[in-house]
C-alpha atoms as a PDB file:
ATOM      1  CA  MET A   1     -30.717  52.451  -1.010  1.00  0.00           C
ATOM      2  CA  LEU A   2     -33.337  49.763  -0.445  1.00  0.00           C
ATOM      3  CA  ARG A   3     -34.804  51.701   2.435  1.00  0.00           C
ATOM      4  CA  ARG A   4     -35.891  54.404  -0.021  1.00  0.00           C
ATOM      5  CA  ILE A   5     -38.416  52.086  -1.674  1.00  0.00           C
ATOM      6  CA  GLY A   6     -39.258  50.176   1.504  1.00  0.00           C
ATOM      7  CA  LEU A   7     -38.856  46.507   2.400  1.00  0.00           C
ATOM      8  CA  GLY A   8     -42.397  45.630   1.343  1.00  0.00           C
ATOM      9  CA  ALA A   9     -41.946  47.036  -2.155  1.00  0.00           C
ATOM     10  CA  ALA A  10     -38.644  45.242  -2.548  1.00  0.00           C
ATOM     11  CA  LEU A  11     -40.195  41.915  -1.595  1.00  0.00           C
ATOM     12  CA  LEU A  12     -43.045  42.425  -4.049  1.00  0.00           C
ATOM     13  CA  ALA A  13     -40.482  43.109  -6.737  1.00  0.00           C
ATOM     14  CA  LEU A  14     -38.660  39.925  -5.796  1.00  0.00           C
ATOM     15  CA  ILE A  15     -41.838  37.930  -6.323  1.00  0.00           C
ATOM     16  CA  GLY A  16     -42.268  39.592  -9.700  1.00  0.00           C
ATOM     17  CA  TRP A  17     -38.951  38.496 -11.173  1.00  0.00           C
ATOM     18  CA  ALA A  18     -40.015  34.860 -10.949  1.00  0.00           C
ATOM     19  CA  ALA A  19     -43.730  35.281 -11.475  1.00  0.00           C
ATOM     20  CA  ASP A  20     -44.954  32.251  -9.510  1.00  0.00           C
ATOM     21  CA  ALA A  21     -42.486  32.571  -6.603  1.00  0.00           C
ATOM     22  CA  ALA A  22     -43.342  33.451  -3.018  1.00  0.00           C
ATOM     23  CA  PRO A  23     -40.905  34.440  -0.230  1.00  0.00           C
ATOM     24  CA  ILE A  24     -40.243  31.857   2.473  1.00  0.00           C
ATOM     25  CA  PRO A  25     -41.154  33.349   5.892  1.00  0.00           C
ATOM     26  CA  GLY A  26     -38.161  33.947   8.119  1.00  0.00           C
ATOM     27  CA  SER A  27     -35.615  33.770   5.294  1.00  0.00           C
ATOM     28  CA  VAL A  28     -35.080  37.508   4.788  1.00  0.00           C
ATOM     29  CA  GLN A  29     -31.649  38.935   5.635  1.00  0.00           C
ATOM     30  CA  LEU A  30     -30.615  42.596   5.410  1.00  0.00           C
ATOM     31  CA  LEU A  31     -26.944  42.992   4.487  1.00  0.00           C
ATOM     32  CA  GLY A  32     -26.194  46.675   4.118  1.00  0.00           C
ATOM     33  CA  SER A  33     -28.068  47.824   1.014  1.00  0.00           C
ATOM     34  CA  TRP A  34     -28.884  44.250  -0.034  1.00  0.00           C
ATOM     35  CA  ILE A  35     -31.826  41.987   0.745  1.00  0.00           C
ATOM     36  CA  VAL A  36     -31.193  38.227   0.670  1.00  0.00           C
ATOM     37  CA  GLN A  37     -34.127  35.825   0.797  1.00  0.00           C
ATOM     38  CA  ALA A  38     -35.383  32.388  -0.246  1.00  0.00           C
ATOM     39  CA  ASP A  39     -38.455  31.771  -2.419  1.00  0.00           C
ATOM     40  CA  ASN A  40     -40.767  28.841  -3.096  1.00  0.00           C
ATOM     41  CA  ASP A  41     -42.363  28.103  -6.461  1.00  0.00           C
ATOM     42  CA  ALA A  42     -46.116  27.908  -7.138  1.00  0.00           C
ATOM     43  CA  SER A  43     -46.268  24.359  -5.756  1.00  0.00           C
ATOM     44  CA  GLY A  44     -44.626  25.357  -2.470  1.00  0.00           C
ATOM     45  CA  LYS A  45     -41.246  23.785  -3.266  1.00  0.00           C
ATOM     46  CA  PHE A  46     -37.980  25.669  -2.748  1.00  0.00           C
ATOM     47  CA  ALA A  47     -37.131  27.554  -5.956  1.00  0.00           C
ATOM     48  CA  TYR A  48     -34.122  29.834  -5.362  1.00  0.00           C
ATOM     49  CA  CYS A  49     -32.307  32.264  -3.086  1.00  0.00           C
ATOM     50  CA  ASP A  50     -31.257  35.675  -4.290  1.00  0.00           C
ATOM     51  CA  ALA A  51     -29.628  38.968  -3.355  1.00  0.00           C
ATOM     52  CA  THR A  52     -31.361  42.192  -4.391  1.00  0.00           C
ATOM     53  CA  ARG A  53     -30.568  45.891  -4.232  1.00  0.00           C
ATOM     54  CA  ASP A  54     -31.992  49.154  -5.517  1.00  0.00           C
ATOM     55  CA  GLY A  55     -30.533  51.267  -8.295  1.00  0.00           C
ATOM     56  CA  GLY A  56     -32.645  54.408  -8.025  1.00  0.00           C
ATOM     57  CA  GLY A  57     -36.049  52.833  -8.664  1.00  0.00           C
ATOM     58  CA  ALA A  58     -34.884  49.705 -10.496  1.00  0.00           C
ATOM     59  CA  LEU A  59     -33.783  46.515  -8.749  1.00  0.00           C
ATOM     60  CA  VAL A  60     -31.077  44.001  -9.610  1.00  0.00           C
ATOM     61  CA  HIS A  61     -31.511  40.385  -8.492  1.00  0.00           C
ATOM     62  CA  ILE A  62     -28.657  37.856  -8.377  1.00  0.00           C
ATOM     63  CA  GLY A  63     -29.928  34.404  -7.494  1.00  0.00           C
ATOM     64  CA  GLN A  64     -29.086  30.714  -7.328  1.00  0.00           C
ATOM     65  CA  SER A  65     -31.794  28.174  -8.121  1.00  0.00           C
ATOM     66  CA  ALA A  66     -32.570  24.946  -6.285  1.00  0.00           C
ATOM     67  CA  SER A  67     -30.562  23.050  -8.922  1.00  0.00           C
ATOM     68  CA  GLY A  68     -27.490  25.256  -8.340  1.00  0.00           C
ATOM     69  CA  GLY A  69     -27.673  27.401 -11.481  1.00  0.00           C
ATOM     70  CA  TRP A  70     -27.165  31.166 -11.217  1.00  0.00           C
ATOM     71  CA  GLN A  71     -29.485  33.776 -12.693  1.00  0.00           C
ATOM     72  CA  ILE A  72     -29.662  37.555 -12.928  1.00  0.00           C
ATOM     73  CA  GLY A  73     -32.703  39.765 -13.266  1.00  0.00           C
ATOM     74  CA  PHE A  74     -33.852  43.381 -13.194  1.00  0.00           C
ATOM     75  CA  THR A  75     -37.183  44.891 -12.136  1.00  0.00           C
ATOM     76  CA  ASN A  76     -38.517  48.361 -12.915  1.00  0.00           C
ATOM     77  CA  ALA A  77     -42.127  49.327 -12.224  1.00  0.00           C
ATOM     78  CA  SER A  78     -42.085  51.711 -15.216  1.00  0.00           C
ATOM     79  CA  TRP A  79     -41.382  48.941 -17.742  1.00  0.00           C
ATOM     80  CA  GLN A  80     -44.233  47.423 -19.720  1.00  0.00           C
ATOM     81  CA  PHE A  81     -42.898  44.504 -21.768  1.00  0.00           C
ATOM     82  CA  ALA A  82     -44.830  41.668 -23.343  1.00  0.00           C
ATOM     83  CA  VAL A  83     -44.240  38.501 -21.306  1.00  0.00           C
ATOM     84  CA  GLY A  84     -41.849  36.099 -23.031  1.00  0.00           C
ATOM     85  CA  GLN A  85     -40.116  38.818 -25.046  1.00  0.00           C
ATOM     86  CA  ASP A  86     -36.331  38.631 -25.555  1.00  0.00           C
ATOM     87  CA  VAL A  87     -34.534  41.898 -24.819  1.00  0.00           C
ATOM     88  CA  THR A  88     -30.892  42.522 -25.721  1.00  0.00           C
ATOM     89  CA  VAL A  89     -28.980  44.496 -23.092  1.00  0.00           C
ATOM     90  CA  THR A  90     -25.386  45.177 -22.123  1.00  0.00           C
ATOM     91  CA  LEU A  91     -24.157  44.976 -18.564  1.00  0.00           C
ATOM     92  CA  PHE A  92     -21.030  46.903 -17.614  1.00  0.00           C
ATOM     93  CA  ILE A  93     -19.089  45.870 -14.512  1.00  0.00           C
ATOM     94  CA  ASP A  94     -16.491  48.559 -13.892  1.00  0.00           C
ATOM     95  CA  ARG A  95     -16.680  49.439 -17.621  1.00  0.00           C
ATOM     96  CA  VAL A  96     -16.175  45.850 -18.809  1.00  0.00           C
ATOM     97  CA  PRO A  97     -19.106  44.985 -21.149  1.00  0.00           C
ATOM     98  CA  TYR A  98     -21.157  41.787 -20.840  1.00  0.00           C
ATOM     99  CA  PRO A  99     -23.786  41.506 -23.631  1.00  0.00           C
ATOM    100  CA  LEU A 100     -26.842  39.484 -22.567  1.00  0.00           C
ATOM    101  CA  VAL A 101     -30.244  38.527 -23.879  1.00  0.00           C
ATOM    102  CA  LEU A 102     -32.821  38.776 -21.096  1.00  0.00           C
ATOM    103  CA  ARG A 103     -36.372  37.447 -21.217  1.00  0.00           C
ATOM    104  CA  THR A 104     -39.397  39.177 -19.738  1.00  0.00           C
ATOM    105  CA  ALA A 105     -40.667  37.101 -16.807  1.00  0.00           C
ATOM    106  CA  SER A 106     -43.361  39.737 -16.225  1.00  0.00           C
ATOM    107  CA  PRO A 107     -44.146  43.140 -17.812  1.00  0.00           C
ATOM    108  CA  THR A 108     -41.785  44.809 -15.342  1.00  0.00           C
ATOM    109  CA  THR A 109     -39.039  42.191 -15.034  1.00  0.00           C
ATOM    110  CA  LEU A 110     -36.181  40.914 -17.230  1.00  0.00           C
ATOM    111  CA  SER A 111     -34.094  37.869 -16.263  1.00  0.00           C
ATOM    112  CA  THR A 112     -31.915  35.090 -17.619  1.00  0.00           C
ATOM    113  CA  PRO A 113     -30.044  32.026 -16.344  1.00  0.00           C
ATOM    114  CA  LEU A 114     -26.256  32.270 -16.518  1.00  0.00           C
ATOM    115  CA  PRO A 115     -24.207  29.526 -18.235  1.00  0.00           C
ATOM    116  CA  ASP A 116     -21.389  29.659 -15.662  1.00  0.00           C
ATOM    117  CA  THR A 117     -20.191  31.623 -12.627  1.00  0.00           C
ATOM    118  CA  SER A 118     -17.917  34.092 -14.461  1.00  0.00           C
ATOM    119  CA  LEU A 119     -20.427  36.963 -14.360  1.00  0.00           C
ATOM    120  CA  VAL A 120     -21.326  36.211 -10.740  1.00  0.00           C
ATOM    121  CA  ASP A 121     -17.652  36.265  -9.800  1.00  0.00           C
ATOM    122  CA  ALA A 122     -17.249  39.610 -11.592  1.00  0.00           C
ATOM    123  CA  LEU A 123     -20.234  40.991  -9.654  1.00  0.00           C
ATOM    124  CA  ARG A 124     -18.634  39.822  -6.403  1.00  0.00           C
ATOM    125  CA  GLN A 125     -15.443  41.702  -7.205  1.00  0.00           C
ATOM    126  CA  GLY A 126     -16.813  44.778  -8.967  1.00  0.00           C
ATOM    127  CA  ASP A 127     -17.508  48.288  -7.703  1.00  0.00           C
ATOM    128  CA  MET A 128     -20.264  49.383 -10.101  1.00  0.00           C
ATOM    129  CA  LEU A 129     -22.839  47.588 -12.271  1.00  0.00           C
ATOM    130  CA  THR A 130     -24.509  49.431 -15.165  1.00  0.00           C
ATOM    131  CA  LEU A 131     -27.494  48.139 -17.150  1.00  0.00           C
ATOM    132  CA  GLN A 132     -27.730  49.577 -20.672  1.00  0.00           C
ATOM    133  CA  LEU A 133     -31.242  49.122 -22.062  1.00  0.00           C
ATOM    134  CA  GLY A 134     -31.398  50.993 -25.353  1.00  0.00           C
ATOM    135  CA  ALA A 135     -30.320  54.529 -24.612  1.00  0.00           C
ATOM    136  CA  VAL A 136     -31.090  54.272 -20.902  1.00  0.00           C
ATOM    137  CA  TYR A 137     -28.331  53.511 -18.372  1.00  0.00           C
ATOM    138  CA  THR A 138     -29.144  52.361 -14.822  1.00  0.00           C
ATOM    139  CA  THR A 139     -26.353  51.996 -12.278  1.00  0.00           C
ATOM    140  CA  PHE A 140     -26.116  49.848  -9.152  1.00  0.00           C
ATOM    141  CA  ALA A 141     -23.333  50.217  -6.586  1.00  0.00           C
ATOM    142  CA  LEU A 142     -21.754  46.830  -5.808  1.00  0.00           C
ATOM    143  CA  ASP A 143     -20.492  47.610  -2.314  1.00  0.00           C
ATOM    144  CA  GLY A 144     -21.231  44.576  -0.164  1.00  0.00           C
ATOM    145  CA  SER A 145     -21.953  42.418  -3.223  1.00  0.00           C
ATOM    146  CA  ALA A 146     -19.524  39.646  -2.232  1.00  0.00           C
ATOM    147  CA  ALA A 147     -21.142  39.200   1.191  1.00  0.00           C
ATOM    148  CA  ALA A 148     -24.648  39.356  -0.294  1.00  0.00           C
ATOM    149  CA  ILE A 149     -23.966  36.867  -3.098  1.00  0.00           C
ATOM    150  CA  ASN A 150     -22.182  34.527  -0.707  1.00  0.00           C
ATOM    151  CA  ALA A 151     -25.176  34.758   1.640  1.00  0.00           C
ATOM    152  CA  ALA A 152     -27.478  33.839  -1.261  1.00  0.00           C
ATOM    153  CA  ALA A 153     -25.253  30.845  -2.036  1.00  0.00           C
ATOM    154  CA  SER A 154     -25.304  29.722   1.602  1.00  0.00           C
ATOM    155  CA  CYS A 155     -29.079  30.199   1.655  1.00  0.00           C
ATOM    156  CA  GLN A 156     -29.417  28.016  -1.454  1.00  0.00           C
ATOM    157  CA  GLN A 157     -27.219  25.309   0.016  1.00  0.00           C
ATOM    158  CA  GLY A 158     -29.253  25.187   3.204  1.00  0.00           C
ATOM    159  CA  TYR A 159     -32.682  25.102   1.575  1.00  0.00           C
ATOM    160  CA  ALA A 160     -31.601  22.751  -1.236  1.00  0.00           C
ATOM    161  CA  ALA A 161     -30.199  20.311   1.331  1.00  0.00           C
ATOM    162  CA  SER A 162     -33.361  20.410   3.444  1.00  0.00           C
ATOM    163  CA  ALA A 163     -35.524  19.980   0.340  1.00  0.00           C
ATOM    164  CA  ALA A 164     -33.653  16.848  -0.802  1.00  0.00           C
ATOM    165  CA  PRO A 165     -35.838  13.715  -0.558  1.00  0.00           C
ATOM    166  CA  PRO A 166     -35.049  11.374   2.355  1.00  0.00           C
ATOM    167  CA  PRO A 167     -33.497   7.974   1.582  1.00  0.00           C
ATOM    168  CA  ALA A 168     -35.945   5.211   0.733  1.00  0.00           C
ATOM    169  CA  SER A 169     -37.088   3.052   3.646  1.00  0.00           C
ATOM    170  CA  PRO A 170     -35.836  -0.558   3.591  1.00  0.00           C
ATOM    171  CA  ALA A 171     -38.332  -3.270   2.614  1.00  0.00           C
ATOM    172  CA  PRO A 172     -40.017  -5.191   5.468  1.00  0.00           C
ATOM    173  CA  SER A 173     -38.010  -8.211   6.622  1.00  0.00           C
ATOM    174  CA  SER A 174     -40.742 -10.621   5.485  1.00  0.00           C
ATOM    175  CA  GLN A 175     -40.214  -9.472   1.917  1.00  0.00           C
ATOM    176  CA  ALA A 176     -36.464  -9.133   2.071  1.00  0.00           C
ATOM    177  CA  ALA A 177     -35.721 -12.565   0.591  1.00  0.00           C
ATOM    178  CA  ALA A 178     -38.076 -11.945  -2.321  1.00  0.00           C
ATOM    179  CA  GLN A 179     -36.680  -8.548  -3.228  1.00  0.00           C
ATOM    180  CA  PRO A 180     -33.557  -7.984  -5.376  1.00  0.00           C
ATOM    181  CA  PRO A 181     -30.701  -6.068  -3.756  1.00  0.00           C
ATOM    182  CA  ALA A 182     -31.412  -2.357  -3.462  1.00  0.00           C
ATOM    183  CA  VAL A 183     -29.636  -0.108  -5.945  1.00  0.00           C
ATOM    184  CA  SER A 184     -28.457   3.317  -4.830  1.00  0.00           C
ATOM    185  CA  ALA A 185     -30.276   6.168  -6.546  1.00  0.00           C
ATOM    186  CA  ALA A 186     -27.013   8.084  -6.928  1.00  0.00           C
ATOM    187  CA  PRO A 187     -24.335   6.448  -9.095  1.00  0.00           C
ATOM    188  CA  VAL A 188     -20.945   5.782  -7.602  1.00  0.00           C
ATOM    189  CA  ALA A 189     -18.442   8.322  -8.831  1.00  0.00           C
ATOM    190  CA  THR A 190     -15.690   7.281 -11.213  1.00  0.00           C
ATOM    191  CA  PRO A 191     -12.313   7.997  -9.570  1.00  0.00           C
ATOM    192  CA  THR A 192     -10.490  11.033 -10.941  1.00  0.00           C
ATOM    193  CA  PRO A 193      -6.776  11.902 -10.853  1.00  0.00           C
ATOM    194  CA  GLY A 194      -5.700  12.541  -7.283  1.00  0.00           C
ATOM    195  CA  GLY A 195      -8.798  10.771  -5.964  1.00  0.00           C
ATOM    196  CA  MET A 196     -10.885  13.931  -6.276  1.00  0.00           C
ATOM    197  CA  PRO A 197     -14.672  13.568  -6.552  1.00  0.00           C
ATOM    198  CA  PRO A 198     -15.952  14.668  -9.984  1.00  0.00           C
ATOM    199  CA  GLU A 199     -17.444  17.876  -8.584  1.00  0.00           C
ATOM    200  CA  VAL A 200     -14.087  18.940  -7.147  1.00  0.00           C
ATOM    201  CA  ALA A 201     -12.254  17.860 -10.294  1.00  0.00           C
ATOM    202  CA  GLN A 202     -14.658  19.963 -12.383  1.00  0.00           C
ATOM    203  CA  GLU A 203     -14.049  23.042 -10.224  1.00  0.00           C
ATOM    204  CA  VAL A 204     -10.282  22.511 -10.524  1.00  0.00           C
ATOM    205  CA  SER A 205     -10.667  22.167 -14.299  1.00  0.00           C
ATOM    206  CA  ASN A 206     -12.646  25.436 -14.436  1.00  0.00           C
ATOM    207  CA  LEU A 207      -9.938  27.263 -12.485  1.00  0.00           C
ATOM    208  CA  GLN A 208      -7.207  25.870 -14.715  1.00  0.00           C
ATOM    209  CA  SER A 209      -9.187  26.845 -17.830  1.00  0.00           C
ATOM    210  CA  ASN A 210      -9.397  30.440 -16.569  1.00  0.00           C
ATOM    211  CA  CYS A 211      -5.618  30.489 -16.287  1.00  0.00           C
ATOM    212  CA  GLN A 212      -5.188  29.055 -19.772  1.00  0.00           C
ATOM    213  CA  VAL A 213      -7.510  31.711 -21.223  1.00  0.00           C
ATOM    214  CA  MET A 214      -5.142  34.283 -19.689  1.00  0.00           C
ATOM    215  CA  ASN A 215      -2.172  32.428 -21.253  1.00  0.00           C
ATOM    216  CA  LYS A 216      -0.944  31.480 -17.788  1.00  0.00           C
ATOM    217  CA  THR A 217       0.294  28.061 -16.674  1.00  0.00           C
ATOM    218  CA  PRO A 218      -1.722  26.818 -13.661  1.00  0.00           C
ATOM    219  CA  PRO A 219       0.354  25.944 -10.589  1.00  0.00           C
ATOM    220  CA  PRO A 220       0.362  22.404  -9.128  1.00  0.00           C
ATOM    221  CA  VAL A 221      -3.035  21.361  -7.751  1.00  0.00           C
ATOM    222  CA  GLY A 222      -1.516  20.937  -4.297  1.00  0.00           C
ATOM    223  CA  ASP A 223      -0.939  24.707  -4.157  1.00  0.00           C
ATOM    224  CA  TYR A 224      -4.660  25.390  -3.842  1.00  0.00           C
ATOM    225  CA  VAL A 225      -6.494  22.113  -3.089  1.00  0.00           C
ATOM    226  CA  THR A 226      -6.426  20.480   0.371  1.00  0.00           C
ATOM    227  CA  ARG A 227      -7.830  17.013   1.100  1.00  0.00           C
ATOM    228  CA  ILE A 228      -8.926  16.868   4.738  1.00  0.00           C
ATOM    229  CA  GLY A 229     -11.609  15.515   7.058  1.00  0.00           C
ATOM    230  CA  LEU A 230     -13.709  18.389   8.395  1.00  0.00           C
ATOM    231  CA  THR A 231     -17.095  16.905   9.335  1.00  0.00           C
ATOM    232  CA  GLY A 232     -16.179  13.818  11.389  1.00  0.00           C
ATOM    233  CA  SER A 233     -17.902  11.521   8.889  1.00  0.00           C
ATOM    234  CA  GLY A 234     -14.726   9.591   8.104  1.00  0.00           C
ATOM    235  CA  ILE A 235     -14.993  10.653   4.432  1.00  0.00           C
ATOM    236  CA  ASP A 236     -12.459  13.073   2.994  1.00  0.00           C
ATOM    237  CA  ASP A 237     -13.573  16.637   2.323  1.00  0.00           C
ATOM    238  CA  TRP A 238     -11.945  19.091  -0.052  1.00  0.00           C
ATOM    239  CA  LEU A 239     -10.951  22.741   0.413  1.00  0.00           C
ATOM    240  CA  ILE A 240     -10.074  24.966  -2.539  1.00  0.00           C
ATOM    241  CA  ASN A 241      -8.238  28.216  -1.765  1.00  0.00           C
ATOM    242  CA  THR A 242      -7.955  30.205  -4.988  1.00  0.00           C
ATOM    243  CA  GLY A 243      -5.229  32.303  -3.395  1.00  0.00           C
ATOM    244  CA  GLY A 244      -2.930  29.528  -4.591  1.00  0.00           C
ATOM    245  CA  ILE A 245      -4.066  29.874  -8.214  1.00  0.00           C
ATOM    246  CA  THR A 246      -4.271  33.637  -8.666  1.00  0.00           C
ATOM    247  CA  CYS A 247      -4.321  33.369 -12.451  1.00  0.00           C
ATOM    248  CA  ALA A 248      -7.893  32.009 -12.146  1.00  0.00           C
ATOM    249  CA  GLY A 249      -9.066  35.524 -11.307  1.00  0.00           C
ATOM    250  CA  LEU A 250     -10.970  34.772  -8.065  1.00  0.00           C
ATOM    251  CA  THR A 251      -9.091  37.269  -5.925  1.00  0.00           C
ATOM    252  CA  GLY A 252      -9.884  40.739  -4.667  1.00  0.00           C
ATOM    253  CA  GLY A 253     -13.597  40.207  -3.925  1.00  0.00           C
ATOM    254  CA  GLY A 254     -15.286  42.104  -1.116  1.00  0.00           C
ATOM    255  CA  GLY A 255     -12.309  44.318  -0.277  1.00  0.00           C
ATOM    256  CA  GLY A 256      -9.562  41.792  -0.888  1.00  0.00           C
ATOM    257  CA  GLY A 257      -8.746  38.162  -0.426  1.00  0.00           C
ATOM    258  CA  SER A 258      -9.379  34.997  -2.406  1.00  0.00           C
ATOM    259  CA  MET A 259     -12.364  32.723  -2.900  1.00  0.00           C
ATOM    260  CA  VAL A 260     -12.452  29.744  -0.510  1.00  0.00           C
ATOM    261  CA  GLU A 261     -14.712  26.791  -1.319  1.00  0.00           C
ATOM    262  CA  ILE A 262     -15.391  23.640   0.698  1.00  0.00           C
ATOM    263  CA  PHE A 263     -16.793  20.418  -0.757  1.00  0.00           C
ATOM    264  CA  VAL A 264     -18.074  17.752   1.638  1.00  0.00           C
ATOM    265  CA  GLY A 265     -17.338  14.171   0.562  1.00  0.00           C
ATOM    266  CA  LEU A 266     -20.306  11.813   0.130  1.00  0.00           C
ATOM    267  CA  PRO A 267     -20.425   8.021   0.610  1.00  0.00           C
ATOM    268  CA  ASN A 268     -20.885   7.393  -3.134  1.00  0.00           C
ATOM    269  CA  GLY A 269     -17.633   9.138  -4.085  1.00  0.00           C
ATOM    270  CA  HIS A 270     -19.281  12.413  -5.072  1.00  0.00           C
ATOM    271  CA  ALA A 271     -19.010  15.701  -3.185  1.00  0.00           C
ATOM    272  CA  ARG A 272     -21.304  18.643  -2.432  1.00  0.00           C
ATOM    273  CA  LYS A 273     -20.214  22.269  -2.188  1.00  0.00           C
ATOM    274  CA  VAL A 274     -21.339  23.575   1.202  1.00  0.00           C
ATOM    275  CA  PHE A 275     -19.373  26.783   1.640  1.00  0.00           C
ATOM    276  CA  ALA A 276     -17.935  29.602  -0.481  1.00  0.00           C
ATOM    277  CA  ARG A 277     -16.766  33.114   0.353  1.00  0.00           C
ATOM    278  CA  TYR A 278     -13.795  35.422   0.003  1.00  0.00           C
ATOM    279  CA  ALA A 279     -11.192  35.372   2.771  1.00  0.00           C
ATOM    280  CA  LEU A 280      -7.897  37.099   3.494  1.00  0.00           C
ATOM    281  CA  GLY A 281      -6.214  33.762   4.127  1.00  0.00           C
ATOM    282  CA  VAL A 282      -6.822  30.211   5.320  1.00  0.00           C
ATOM    283  CA  GLU A 283      -5.366  28.416   8.314  1.00  0.00           C
ATOM    284  CA  ILE A 284      -6.209  24.817   9.213  1.00  0.00           C
ATOM    285  CA  ARG A 285      -5.821  23.862  12.868  1.00  0.00           C
ATOM    286  CA  GLY A 286      -6.578  20.196  13.373  1.00  0.00           C
ATOM    287  CA  SER A 287      -9.924  19.717  11.649  1.00  0.00           C
ATOM    288  CA  THR A 288     -11.031  23.354  11.914  1.00  0.00           C
ATOM    289  CA  VAL A 289     -10.703  25.909   9.125  1.00  0.00           C
ATOM    290  CA  TRP A 290      -9.980  29.511  10.142  1.00  0.00           C
ATOM    291  CA  LEU A 291     -10.584  32.290   7.625  1.00  0.00           C
ATOM    292  CA  GLY A 292      -8.830  35.634   7.651  1.00  0.00           C
ATOM    293  CA  SER A 293     -11.618  38.213   7.595  1.00  0.00           C
ATOM    294  CA  ARG A 294     -12.296  41.913   7.855  1.00  0.00           C
ATOM    295  CA  GLY A 295     -15.041  44.450   8.436  1.00  0.00           C
ATOM    296  CA  ASP A 296     -18.444  43.242   9.646  1.00  0.00           C
ATOM    297  CA  GLN A 297     -17.222  39.640   9.612  1.00  0.00           C
ATOM    298  CA  CYS A 298     -15.027  40.566  12.599  1.00  0.00           C
ATOM    299  CA  ARG A 299     -17.985  41.556  14.771  1.00  0.00           C
ATOM    300  CA  GLY A 300     -19.862  38.776  16.425  1.00  0.00           C
ATOM    301  CA  SER A 301     -19.093  38.338  20.098  1.00  0.00           C
ATOM    302  CA  ALA A 302     -18.719  40.288  23.317  1.00  0.00           C
ATOM    303  CA  ALA A 303     -14.971  39.734  23.043  1.00  0.00           C
ATOM    304  CA  VAL A 304     -14.924  41.556  19.707  1.00  0.00           C
ATOM    305  CA  PRO A 305     -16.826  44.851  20.061  1.00  0.00           C
ATOM    306  CA  PRO A 306     -18.059  46.657  16.929  1.00  0.00           C
ATOM    307  CA  ALA A 307     -15.253  49.192  17.079  1.00  0.00           C
ATOM    308  CA  ALA A 308     -12.918  50.018  14.226  1.00  0.00           C
ATOM    309  CA  THR A 309     -11.895  46.378  13.833  1.00  0.00           C
ATOM    310  CA  LYS A 310      -9.834  45.832  10.708  1.00  0.00           C
ATOM    311  CA  THR A 311      -8.996  42.132  10.543  1.00  0.00           C
ATOM    312  CA  CYS A 312      -9.662  38.939  12.497  1.00  0.00           C
ATOM    313  CA  GLN A 313      -9.839  35.168  12.179  1.00  0.00           C
ATOM    314  CA  VAL A 314     -13.210  33.401  11.939  1.00  0.00           C
ATOM    315  CA  PRO A 315     -13.581  29.628  12.533  1.00  0.00           C
ATOM    316  CA  LEU A 316     -15.913  27.453  10.471  1.00  0.00           C
ATOM    317  CA  VAL A 317     -18.105  25.139  12.545  1.00  0.00           C
ATOM    318  CA  TRP A 318     -19.813  22.113  10.951  1.00  0.00           C
ATOM    319  CA  ASN A 319     -23.561  22.130  11.563  1.00  0.00           C
ATOM    320  CA  LYS A 320     -24.897  18.562  11.349  1.00  0.00           C
ATOM    321  CA  GLY A 321     -28.487  19.785  11.303  1.00  0.00           C
ATOM    322  CA  THR A 322     -28.195  22.039   8.255  1.00  0.00           C
ATOM    323  CA  GLN A 323     -25.280  20.091   6.718  1.00  0.00           C
ATOM    324  CA  ARG A 324     -23.250  23.223   6.140  1.00  0.00           C
ATOM    325  CA  PHE A 325     -20.597  25.338   7.853  1.00  0.00           C
ATOM    326  CA  ASP A 326     -21.493  28.184  10.189  1.00  0.00           C
ATOM    327  CA  GLU A 327     -19.094  30.983  11.027  1.00  0.00           C
ATOM    328  CA  GLY A 328     -18.057  30.995  14.693  1.00  0.00           C
ATOM    329  CA  SER A 329     -16.990  33.877  16.928  1.00  0.00           C
ATOM    330  CA  PRO A 330     -14.050  35.897  15.551  1.00  0.00           C
ATOM    331  CA  THR A 331     -10.708  35.996  17.384  1.00  0.00           C
ATOM    332  CA  ASN A 332      -7.355  37.761  17.023  1.00  0.00           C
ATOM    333  CA  ALA A 333      -9.043  41.018  16.061  1.00  0.00           C
ATOM    334  CA  GLN A 334      -6.666  43.832  15.109  1.00  0.00           C
END
């Protein structure tokens, strides 16, 4: 448990796995045995958010960088590696092997960026993670991993959005006639089949590819993709419920359910992912998304006491300030 090594030690370890990083005050969240926090780089700019837990003296870190890429790292105070050294390890998630080459970010820390989300998704759904380093095996329980990783993703979305540069100010009116028309910094998206923004189309393609790898035929896109306005901007948003494409493998995380992702449409035809977590089901009432939930997600208001609540429905509320969805008070608890 993290409490065995103490919060201060855990935070110092977090700094170590990205040597020049520093925790952002007020960003720390405790989720069961996990710590979720945001970090700045050496220049004070947002660097990443990650979820960390103890494995009997060693720590595992699962993080998402400012650019959206995922990374995994391990810290052990007893290690003494040369910085910049490549170390071959094998990760086992519920006995399924994942060979990796990690690099030493510091003498006590190994880490690597991940090429896609497949390992992260496996960590969300798994029960036990084992790090094999030579003849030494270190295990980490993955209870609560889905909630912790989803919290890290939400943390990254919030800080990345706030760190984005503001739009350029228009030229003074006296110079307007002399200046050429302004060109948007972000290119206009090329339309894709079904009118999907490229980011949504890419996610759909990834899901379909997972099915094809399993020799399964993906169902029609309409079975798992919903085009709907959720933010009041007048631009279509996109909801992906992987419960409609079970062959993609994004089911069963965090005690059951399917991954739900929401992409907010942008004026230039692109879209930005602003929400992702496992849910027991999705219901859309008007312009509000309700997620079937369980456990701690069903505790959040005086109307829903922290008794032995099993399931509930949680609404998603658009937050204009942070440009993401917050989870509202649960209802229909059973």
